[in-house]
Amino acid sequence: MSEIQRLLTQTIDELNAREKRDNRPRFSISFIRNHPGLFIAMYLAFFATLVVMMRSDTLADSVWLLWLLFALLNGFFFFDVYPRYRYEDIDVLDFRVCYNGEWYNTRFVPPELIDNILHSNRVDGQYKTQLQKMVTTKGDLSFYDVFTLARAEAAQ
């Protein structure tokens, strides 16, 4: 494992620990806070559907199924899952992108990672120069930017 890859993996692990990213569902009412109008509309639509089913001779026997589906589907809105970031997921386009997105392109690395790379004795000078040039050109670097540097270092 190259030094840049080790530092990048260490930063990802620290980020996962700090943000409690462990792929576990946690109870949260953030859906209600973030989308109160949608939450109210959802309940209004449910009760409107319930009234129609109760008044219908054909559908009255299946009202229990509506209650069950509504309860199960509402359960999903009260849980948040924070996916774990992994070094192996960087630059991989598969079904995991649907789950946790392309976080490595949208999240910026903390400045401490850049400082650690620049001050590490185990990183070659050419990569330090390339990193400084990237910082000067782009300003904030994403995880993917540092990953490309780690991949170049590992290929050498």
N, C-alpha and C. Protein backbone atom coordinates (compact mmCIF):
# COMPACT_ATOMS: atom_id res chain seq x y z
N MET A 1 0.86 -1.17 0.00
CA MET A 1 0.00 0.00 0.00
C MET A 1 0.90 1.23 0.00
N SER A 2 0.61 2.15 -0.90
CA SER A 2 1.40 3.37 -0.99
C SER A 2 1.08 4.28 0.19
N GLU A 3 1.95 5.22 0.46
CA GLU A 3 1.77 6.14 1.59
C GLU A 3 0.53 7.02 1.39
N ILE A 4 0.32 7.51 0.18
CA ILE A 4 -0.85 8.35 -0.08
C ILE A 4 -2.12 7.54 0.11
N GLN A 5 -2.11 6.30 -0.35
CA GLN A 5 -3.28 5.44 -0.17
C GLN A 5 -3.51 5.19 1.32
N ARG A 6 -2.46 4.96 2.08
CA ARG A 6 -2.61 4.73 3.51
C ARG A 6 -3.20 5.96 4.20
N LEU A 7 -2.69 7.14 3.87
CA LEU A 7 -3.21 8.37 4.47
C LEU A 7 -4.66 8.64 4.05
N LEU A 8 -4.97 8.34 2.81
CA LEU A 8 -6.34 8.53 2.32
C LEU A 8 -7.29 7.55 3.02
N THR A 9 -6.89 6.31 3.16
CA THR A 9 -7.71 5.31 3.85
C THR A 9 -7.90 5.69 5.32
N GLN A 10 -6.85 6.18 5.95
CA GLN A 10 -6.95 6.62 7.34
C GLN A 10 -7.93 7.78 7.48
N THR A 11 -7.89 8.72 6.55
CA THR A 11 -8.82 9.86 6.57
C THR A 11 -10.26 9.39 6.37
N ILE A 12 -10.46 8.45 5.46
CA ILE A 12 -11.81 7.91 5.22
C ILE A 12 -12.33 7.21 6.47
N ASP A 13 -11.47 6.44 7.14
CA ASP A 13 -11.88 5.75 8.37
C ASP A 13 -12.24 6.74 9.47
N GLU A 14 -11.47 7.82 9.59
CA GLU A 14 -11.77 8.85 10.59
C GLU A 14 -13.09 9.55 10.27
N LEU A 15 -13.33 9.81 8.99
CA LEU A 15 -14.58 10.43 8.57
C LEU A 15 -15.78 9.53 8.86
N ASN A 16 -15.63 8.24 8.61
CA ASN A 16 -16.70 7.28 8.91
C ASN A 16 -17.00 7.25 10.41
N ALA A 17 -15.95 7.27 11.22
CA ALA A 17 -16.15 7.23 12.68
C ALA A 17 -16.79 8.52 13.17
N ARG A 18 -16.32 9.67 12.69
CA ARG A 18 -16.82 10.96 13.15
C ARG A 18 -18.29 11.16 12.77
N GLU A 19 -18.67 10.73 11.55
CA GLU A 19 -20.04 10.92 11.07
C GLU A 19 -20.93 9.70 11.34
N LYS A 20 -20.42 8.74 12.09
CA LYS A 20 -21.16 7.51 12.42
C LYS A 20 -21.69 6.83 11.17
N ARG A 21 -20.84 6.69 10.18
CA ARG A 21 -21.18 6.02 8.93
C ARG A 21 -20.86 4.53 9.09
N ASP A 22 -21.90 3.74 9.36
CA ASP A 22 -21.68 2.32 9.59
C ASP A 22 -22.71 1.43 8.88
N ASN A 23 -23.45 2.00 7.95
CA ASN A 23 -24.44 1.26 7.16
C ASN A 23 -25.61 0.75 7.99
N ARG A 24 -25.75 1.20 9.21
CA ARG A 24 -26.86 0.75 10.05
C ARG A 24 -28.00 1.76 10.03
N PRO A 25 -29.23 1.27 9.99
CA PRO A 25 -30.36 2.20 10.04
C PRO A 25 -30.51 2.78 11.45
N ARG A 26 -30.79 4.08 11.51
CA ARG A 26 -31.02 4.76 12.78
C ARG A 26 -32.35 5.48 12.71
N PHE A 27 -33.10 5.40 13.82
CA PHE A 27 -34.38 6.08 13.88
C PHE A 27 -34.14 7.59 13.86
N SER A 28 -34.92 8.29 13.02
CA SER A 28 -34.76 9.72 12.88
C SER A 28 -36.06 10.31 12.35
N ILE A 29 -36.35 11.53 12.78
CA ILE A 29 -37.54 12.21 12.25
C ILE A 29 -37.12 13.30 11.27
N SER A 30 -35.95 13.14 10.67
CA SER A 30 -35.47 14.15 9.73
C SER A 30 -36.38 14.27 8.51
N PHE A 31 -37.06 13.17 8.11
CA PHE A 31 -37.98 13.24 6.98
C PHE A 31 -39.10 14.25 7.27
N ILE A 32 -39.64 14.20 8.48
CA ILE A 32 -40.72 15.13 8.84
C ILE A 32 -40.19 16.56 8.89
N ARG A 33 -38.99 16.75 9.43
CA ARG A 33 -38.40 18.09 9.49
C ARG A 33 -38.08 18.64 8.10
N ASN A 34 -37.55 17.79 7.23
CA ASN A 34 -37.12 18.23 5.91
C ASN A 34 -38.26 18.35 4.91
N HIS A 35 -39.30 17.54 5.07
CA HIS A 35 -40.40 17.51 4.11
C HIS A 35 -41.75 17.51 4.83
N PRO A 36 -42.07 18.54 5.60
CA PRO A 36 -43.34 18.51 6.35
C PRO A 36 -44.56 18.50 5.43
N GLY A 37 -44.52 19.23 4.33
CA GLY A 37 -45.65 19.26 3.40
C GLY A 37 -45.90 17.91 2.79
N LEU A 38 -44.86 17.22 2.39
CA LEU A 38 -45.00 15.89 1.81
C LEU A 38 -45.54 14.91 2.84
N PHE A 39 -45.08 15.02 4.07
CA PHE A 39 -45.55 14.14 5.14
C PHE A 39 -47.05 14.33 5.38
N ILE A 40 -47.50 15.58 5.44
CA ILE A 40 -48.92 15.85 5.65
C ILE A 40 -49.74 15.38 4.45
N ALA A 41 -49.25 15.64 3.25
CA ALA A 41 -49.96 15.21 2.03
C ALA A 41 -50.07 13.69 1.98
N MET A 42 -49.04 13.01 2.42
CA MET A 42 -49.05 11.55 2.42
C MET A 42 -50.15 11.02 3.35
N TYR A 43 -50.27 11.61 4.52
CA TYR A 43 -51.32 11.17 5.44
C TYR A 43 -52.71 11.54 4.94
N LEU A 44 -52.86 12.71 4.36
CA LEU A 44 -54.16 13.09 3.79
C LEU A 44 -54.57 12.13 2.68
N ALA A 45 -53.63 11.77 1.82
CA ALA A 45 -53.92 10.83 0.73
C ALA A 45 -54.28 9.46 1.29
N PHE A 46 -53.59 9.07 2.35
CA PHE A 46 -53.92 7.78 2.96
C PHE A 46 -55.34 7.77 3.50
N PHE A 47 -55.71 8.81 4.23
CA PHE A 47 -57.05 8.84 4.80
C PHE A 47 -58.13 8.97 3.72
N ALA A 48 -57.83 9.67 2.63
CA ALA A 48 -58.78 9.75 1.51
C ALA A 48 -58.96 8.37 0.89
N THR A 49 -57.88 7.64 0.72
CA THR A 49 -57.96 6.28 0.18
C THR A 49 -58.71 5.37 1.14
N LEU A 50 -58.46 5.53 2.42
CA LEU A 50 -59.15 4.73 3.42
C LEU A 50 -60.66 4.97 3.39
N VAL A 51 -61.08 6.22 3.25
CA VAL A 51 -62.51 6.55 3.17
C VAL A 51 -63.14 5.88 1.94
N VAL A 52 -62.45 5.96 0.81
CA VAL A 52 -62.98 5.35 -0.41
C VAL A 52 -63.10 3.84 -0.24
N MET A 53 -62.09 3.22 0.37
CA MET A 53 -62.14 1.77 0.55
C MET A 53 -63.23 1.36 1.53
N MET A 54 -63.44 2.14 2.58
CA MET A 54 -64.46 1.81 3.58
C MET A 54 -65.87 1.94 2.99
N ARG A 55 -66.07 2.87 2.08
CA ARG A 55 -67.39 3.10 1.48
C ARG A 55 -67.68 2.13 0.33
N SER A 56 -66.65 1.48 -0.16
CA SER A 56 -66.81 0.56 -1.29
C SER A 56 -67.18 -0.83 -0.79
N ASP A 57 -68.14 -1.43 -1.44
CA ASP A 57 -68.52 -2.80 -1.08
C ASP A 57 -67.44 -3.80 -1.49
N THR A 58 -66.80 -3.52 -2.59
CA THR A 58 -65.79 -4.45 -3.12
C THR A 58 -64.49 -4.39 -2.33
N LEU A 59 -64.06 -3.21 -1.94
CA LEU A 59 -62.75 -3.03 -1.31
C LEU A 59 -62.79 -3.07 0.22
N ALA A 60 -63.93 -3.07 0.83
CA ALA A 60 -64.04 -3.00 2.29
C ALA A 60 -63.33 -4.16 2.98
N ASP A 61 -63.30 -5.32 2.36
CA ASP A 61 -62.66 -6.49 2.99
C ASP A 61 -61.13 -6.42 2.97
N SER A 62 -60.57 -5.58 2.11
CA SER A 62 -59.11 -5.51 2.02
C SER A 62 -58.53 -4.26 2.69
N VAL A 63 -59.29 -3.62 3.55
CA VAL A 63 -58.79 -2.42 4.25
C VAL A 63 -57.60 -2.78 5.14
N TRP A 64 -57.57 -3.95 5.73
CA TRP A 64 -56.46 -4.37 6.58
C TRP A 64 -55.14 -4.38 5.80
N LEU A 65 -55.21 -4.72 4.51
CA LEU A 65 -54.01 -4.72 3.69
C LEU A 65 -53.49 -3.31 3.49
N LEU A 66 -54.38 -2.36 3.31
CA LEU A 66 -53.98 -0.96 3.17
C LEU A 66 -53.29 -0.48 4.45
N TRP A 67 -53.85 -0.81 5.60
CA TRP A 67 -53.23 -0.41 6.87
C TRP A 67 -51.83 -1.02 7.01
N LEU A 68 -51.71 -2.27 6.66
CA LEU A 68 -50.42 -2.95 6.77
C LEU A 68 -49.39 -2.32 5.83
N LEU A 69 -49.75 -2.10 4.58
CA LEU A 69 -48.83 -1.48 3.62
C LEU A 69 -48.44 -0.07 4.04
N PHE A 70 -49.40 0.69 4.51
CA PHE A 70 -49.13 2.05 4.95
C PHE A 70 -48.17 2.06 6.13
N ALA A 71 -48.38 1.18 7.08
CA ALA A 71 -47.50 1.12 8.25
C ALA A 71 -46.08 0.71 7.85
N LEU A 72 -45.96 -0.28 6.98
CA LEU A 72 -44.64 -0.72 6.54
C LEU A 72 -43.90 0.35 5.74
N LEU A 73 -44.62 0.97 4.81
CA LEU A 73 -43.98 1.99 3.99
C LEU A 73 -43.61 3.23 4.79
N ASN A 74 -44.42 3.57 5.78
CA ASN A 74 -44.08 4.71 6.63
C ASN A 74 -42.86 4.43 7.49
N GLY A 75 -42.65 3.18 7.82
CA GLY A 75 -41.49 2.82 8.63
C GLY A 75 -40.18 3.22 7.98
N PHE A 76 -40.12 3.16 6.66
CA PHE A 76 -38.90 3.50 5.96
C PHE A 76 -38.55 4.99 6.07
N PHE A 77 -39.57 5.82 6.22
CA PHE A 77 -39.34 7.26 6.30
C PHE A 77 -38.72 7.68 7.63
N PHE A 78 -38.81 6.84 8.63
CA PHE A 78 -38.33 7.20 9.96
C PHE A 78 -36.94 6.63 10.27
N PHE A 79 -36.25 6.17 9.24
CA PHE A 79 -34.90 5.66 9.45
C PHE A 79 -33.96 6.29 8.45
N ASP A 80 -32.79 6.65 8.94
CA ASP A 80 -31.72 7.16 8.09
C ASP A 80 -30.59 6.15 8.09
N VAL A 81 -29.98 5.96 6.95
CA VAL A 81 -28.83 5.08 6.84
C VAL A 81 -27.69 5.92 6.28
N TYR A 82 -26.60 5.95 7.02
CA TYR A 82 -25.42 6.66 6.54
C TYR A 82 -24.43 5.64 6.02
N PRO A 83 -24.28 5.55 4.69
CA PRO A 83 -23.41 4.52 4.12
C PRO A 83 -21.95 4.77 4.46
N ARG A 84 -21.23 3.70 4.66
CA ARG A 84 -19.81 3.76 4.98
C ARG A 84 -19.03 4.10 3.71
N TYR A 85 -18.13 5.06 3.82
CA TYR A 85 -17.23 5.37 2.71
C TYR A 85 -16.09 4.36 2.74
N ARG A 86 -15.69 3.92 1.56
CA ARG A 86 -14.58 2.96 1.47
C ARG A 86 -13.65 3.37 0.34
N TYR A 87 -12.38 3.14 0.56
CA TYR A 87 -11.37 3.44 -0.46
C TYR A 87 -11.65 2.64 -1.73
N GLU A 88 -12.09 1.41 -1.56
CA GLU A 88 -12.32 0.51 -2.69
C GLU A 88 -13.46 0.99 -3.59
N ASP A 89 -14.34 1.84 -3.06
CA ASP A 89 -15.48 2.33 -3.85
C ASP A 89 -15.13 3.52 -4.74
N ILE A 90 -13.98 4.10 -4.52
CA ILE A 90 -13.60 5.26 -5.32
C ILE A 90 -13.36 4.80 -6.75
N ASP A 91 -13.97 5.49 -7.70
CA ASP A 91 -13.82 5.22 -9.13
C ASP A 91 -14.45 3.89 -9.55
N VAL A 92 -15.41 3.39 -8.78
CA VAL A 92 -16.12 2.17 -9.14
C VAL A 92 -17.56 2.56 -9.43
N LEU A 93 -18.00 2.29 -10.64
CA LEU A 93 -19.38 2.58 -11.00
C LEU A 93 -20.16 1.28 -11.05
N ASP A 94 -20.95 1.04 -10.02
CA ASP A 94 -21.81 -0.14 -9.97
C ASP A 94 -23.04 0.22 -9.14
N PHE A 95 -23.73 -0.77 -8.64
CA PHE A 95 -24.97 -0.52 -7.91
C PHE A 95 -24.75 0.26 -6.61
N ARG A 96 -23.52 0.25 -6.07
CA ARG A 96 -23.27 1.00 -4.85
C ARG A 96 -23.42 2.49 -5.07
N VAL A 97 -23.24 2.96 -6.30
CA VAL A 97 -23.42 4.38 -6.60
C VAL A 97 -24.86 4.80 -6.34
N CYS A 98 -25.80 3.87 -6.58
CA CYS A 98 -27.21 4.18 -6.29
C CYS A 98 -27.42 4.34 -4.79
N TYR A 99 -26.64 3.65 -3.99
CA TYR A 99 -26.80 3.66 -2.54
C TYR A 99 -26.10 4.86 -1.90
N ASN A 100 -24.85 5.07 -2.24
CA ASN A 100 -24.13 6.15 -1.57
C ASN A 100 -23.62 7.23 -2.53
N GLY A 101 -24.01 7.18 -3.78
CA GLY A 101 -23.64 8.23 -4.71
C GLY A 101 -22.16 8.25 -5.02
N GLU A 102 -21.77 9.23 -5.77
CA GLU A 102 -20.35 9.40 -6.08
C GLU A 102 -19.75 10.38 -5.08
N TRP A 103 -19.75 9.98 -3.81
CA TRP A 103 -19.27 10.83 -2.73
C TRP A 103 -17.84 11.29 -2.95
N TYR A 104 -17.05 10.47 -3.59
CA TYR A 104 -15.63 10.78 -3.78
C TYR A 104 -15.42 11.94 -4.76
N ASN A 105 -16.44 12.27 -5.54
CA ASN A 105 -16.34 13.43 -6.44
C ASN A 105 -16.95 14.69 -5.83
N THR A 106 -17.81 14.53 -4.85
CA THR A 106 -18.53 15.68 -4.30
C THR A 106 -18.04 16.12 -2.93
N ARG A 107 -17.32 15.27 -2.22
CA ARG A 107 -16.78 15.64 -0.91
C ARG A 107 -15.34 16.08 -1.05
N PHE A 108 -15.00 17.12 -0.34
CA PHE A 108 -13.63 17.60 -0.37
C PHE A 108 -12.84 16.97 0.77
N VAL A 109 -11.56 16.73 0.50
CA VAL A 109 -10.71 16.16 1.53
C VAL A 109 -10.41 17.25 2.56
N PRO A 110 -10.22 16.84 3.81
CA PRO A 110 -9.87 17.84 4.82
C PRO A 110 -8.45 18.36 4.56
N PRO A 111 -8.20 19.60 4.91
CA PRO A 111 -6.85 20.16 4.70
C PRO A 111 -5.76 19.38 5.43
N GLU A 112 -6.12 18.70 6.51
CA GLU A 112 -5.12 17.91 7.26
C GLU A 112 -4.54 16.80 6.40
N LEU A 113 -5.35 16.21 5.53
CA LEU A 113 -4.84 15.15 4.66
C LEU A 113 -3.79 15.71 3.71
N ILE A 114 -4.07 16.84 3.13
CA ILE A 114 -3.10 17.45 2.21
C ILE A 114 -1.81 17.78 2.95
N ASP A 115 -1.94 18.34 4.17
CA ASP A 115 -0.75 18.64 4.98
C ASP A 115 0.02 17.37 5.33
N ASN A 116 -0.70 16.30 5.68
CA ASN A 116 -0.02 15.04 6.01
C ASN A 116 0.74 14.48 4.82
N ILE A 117 0.17 14.60 3.64
CA ILE A 117 0.86 14.10 2.44
C ILE A 117 2.09 14.97 2.16
N LEU A 118 1.93 16.28 2.25
CA LEU A 118 3.04 17.19 1.95
C LEU A 118 4.18 17.08 2.96
N HIS A 119 3.86 16.71 4.20
CA HIS A 119 4.91 16.62 5.22
C HIS A 119 5.40 15.20 5.48
N SER A 120 4.88 14.24 4.74
CA SER A 120 5.30 12.86 4.92
C SER A 120 6.65 12.62 4.25
N ASN A 121 7.52 11.93 4.96
CA ASN A 121 8.84 11.58 4.42
C ASN A 121 8.74 10.41 3.44
N ARG A 122 7.64 9.68 3.49
CA ARG A 122 7.49 8.49 2.65
C ARG A 122 6.85 8.78 1.29
N VAL A 123 6.48 10.05 1.04
CA VAL A 123 5.90 10.43 -0.25
C VAL A 123 6.98 11.08 -1.10
N ASP A 124 7.10 10.61 -2.33
CA ASP A 124 8.11 11.14 -3.26
C ASP A 124 7.84 12.61 -3.58
N GLY A 125 8.89 13.34 -3.83
CA GLY A 125 8.79 14.78 -4.10
C GLY A 125 7.95 15.12 -5.31
N GLN A 126 7.96 14.27 -6.34
CA GLN A 126 7.18 14.56 -7.54
C GLN A 126 5.68 14.55 -7.23
N TYR A 127 5.25 13.70 -6.31
CA TYR A 127 3.83 13.64 -5.96
C TYR A 127 3.44 14.83 -5.08
N LYS A 128 4.38 15.27 -4.26
CA LYS A 128 4.13 16.47 -3.46
C LYS A 128 3.99 17.69 -4.37
N THR A 129 4.85 17.77 -5.37
CA THR A 129 4.78 18.88 -6.32
C THR A 129 3.46 18.82 -7.10
N GLN A 130 3.09 17.62 -7.53
CA GLN A 130 1.84 17.45 -8.28
C GLN A 130 0.64 17.82 -7.40
N LEU A 131 0.70 17.45 -6.12
CA LEU A 131 -0.39 17.78 -5.20
C LEU A 131 -0.48 19.29 -4.99
N GLN A 132 0.64 19.94 -4.83
CA GLN A 132 0.64 21.40 -4.67
C GLN A 132 0.08 22.09 -5.91
N LYS A 133 0.42 21.56 -7.08
CA LYS A 133 -0.11 22.12 -8.33
C LYS A 133 -1.62 21.92 -8.41
N MET A 134 -2.11 20.76 -7.97
CA MET A 134 -3.55 20.50 -7.97
C MET A 134 -4.27 21.46 -7.02
N VAL A 135 -3.70 21.69 -5.86
CA VAL A 135 -4.30 22.61 -4.89
C VAL A 135 -4.32 24.03 -5.44
N THR A 136 -3.23 24.44 -6.08
CA THR A 136 -3.16 25.77 -6.66
C THR A 136 -4.18 25.93 -7.79
N THR A 137 -4.32 24.91 -8.62
CA THR A 137 -5.22 24.97 -9.76
C THR A 137 -6.69 24.88 -9.34
N LYS A 138 -7.02 23.89 -8.51
CA LYS A 138 -8.41 23.62 -8.16
C LYS A 138 -8.88 24.29 -6.88
N GLY A 139 -7.98 24.51 -5.96
CA GLY A 139 -8.39 25.01 -4.65
C GLY A 139 -8.72 23.84 -3.75
N ASP A 140 -9.98 23.47 -3.66
CA ASP A 140 -10.40 22.33 -2.86
C ASP A 140 -10.29 21.06 -3.69
N LEU A 141 -9.75 20.02 -3.07
CA LEU A 141 -9.59 18.75 -3.78
C LEU A 141 -10.61 17.75 -3.27
N SER A 142 -11.15 16.96 -4.19
CA SER A 142 -12.07 15.90 -3.81
C SER A 142 -11.26 14.65 -3.48
N PHE A 143 -11.95 13.65 -2.92
CA PHE A 143 -11.28 12.39 -2.63
C PHE A 143 -10.78 11.73 -3.91
N TYR A 144 -11.50 11.92 -4.99
CA TYR A 144 -11.07 11.34 -6.26
C TYR A 144 -9.75 11.95 -6.73
N ASP A 145 -9.56 13.24 -6.51
CA ASP A 145 -8.31 13.89 -6.91
C ASP A 145 -7.11 13.26 -6.20
N VAL A 146 -7.25 13.05 -4.91
CA VAL A 146 -6.16 12.43 -4.14
C VAL A 146 -6.02 10.96 -4.52
N PHE A 147 -7.13 10.31 -4.84
CA PHE A 147 -7.10 8.92 -5.28
C PHE A 147 -6.26 8.77 -6.55
N THR A 148 -6.41 9.69 -7.49
CA THR A 148 -5.62 9.60 -8.73
C THR A 148 -4.12 9.71 -8.42
N LEU A 149 -3.81 10.53 -7.43
CA LEU A 149 -2.40 10.64 -7.00
C LEU A 149 -1.93 9.34 -6.36
N ALA A 150 -2.77 8.72 -5.54
CA ALA A 150 -2.42 7.46 -4.88
C ALA A 150 -2.25 6.34 -5.92
N ARG A 151 -3.12 6.35 -6.92
CA ARG A 151 -3.02 5.32 -7.97
C ARG A 151 -1.73 5.49 -8.77
N ALA A 152 -1.37 6.74 -9.04
CA ALA A 152 -0.11 6.99 -9.77
C ALA A 152 1.08 6.55 -8.93
N GLU A 153 1.01 6.81 -7.63
CA GLU A 153 2.12 6.42 -6.74
C GLU A 153 2.23 4.90 -6.66
N ALA A 154 1.09 4.21 -6.59
CA ALA A 154 1.10 2.76 -6.49
C ALA A 154 1.59 2.11 -7.78
N ALA A 155 1.35 2.75 -8.91
CA ALA A 155 1.78 2.19 -10.20
C ALA A 155 3.28 2.28 -10.40
N GLN A 156 3.92 3.14 -9.67
CA GLN A 156 5.36 3.37 -9.86
C GLN A 156 6.17 2.26 -9.27
